[in-house]
Amino acid sequence: MNDIANDVLICGAGAAGLALAIELARRGVSFRLIDKAPGPFAGSRGKGIQPRTLEVFEDMGIVDRFFALGSSYPLRRAYDEAGGIHDSPLAEAAEASTFVPYPSPLLMPQFLTERLMRDRLAELGHAPQFDCELLGLSQDSTGVSAMLRSGGRH
């Protein structure tokens, strides 16, 4: 049995788990980030980073990395009955302001988003532990214990 004391156990090393891990690392809270998958997700379940999320990434100190790899959304194409083509933006262009510093979403695949977040977490001295699954929890008067399986071992 391997006893490791942490304040927080994060199950899932996707974007949400990585965001929590980065924020805990920035604040000096001990944690362990696990994911039962054998490695990072290589595909993309989502491709858009919303303006408010960009503000969170700015606070994490990584928003510039997203703009370096991401792009604007492509134009929407519509065809009329006569066969004409009409291209238009998905949303009206807006100016950045103090209250809305990033008025438009950014197009970026999920695997790149998570890679940039893992890179930031590594800079903070942490990494997700893949191939590690939560099997159960138990609680007693001293705290909560998690039973994990890592690489086929308990």
Foldseek 3Di string as FASTA:
>chain_A
DDDDDFPEEAEDLFPVSLLVLLVCLVVVGGYAAEYQAQDDDPFFPDFKDDQVNLVSCVVSVHSVVQVVAWAADFWDWDADPVGDIDTHHPDDDDDADPVRNDHGIITGGRSVVSVSSQVSSVVSPDHHQYNKDWDDWDADPVGIDTDMAHPNRD
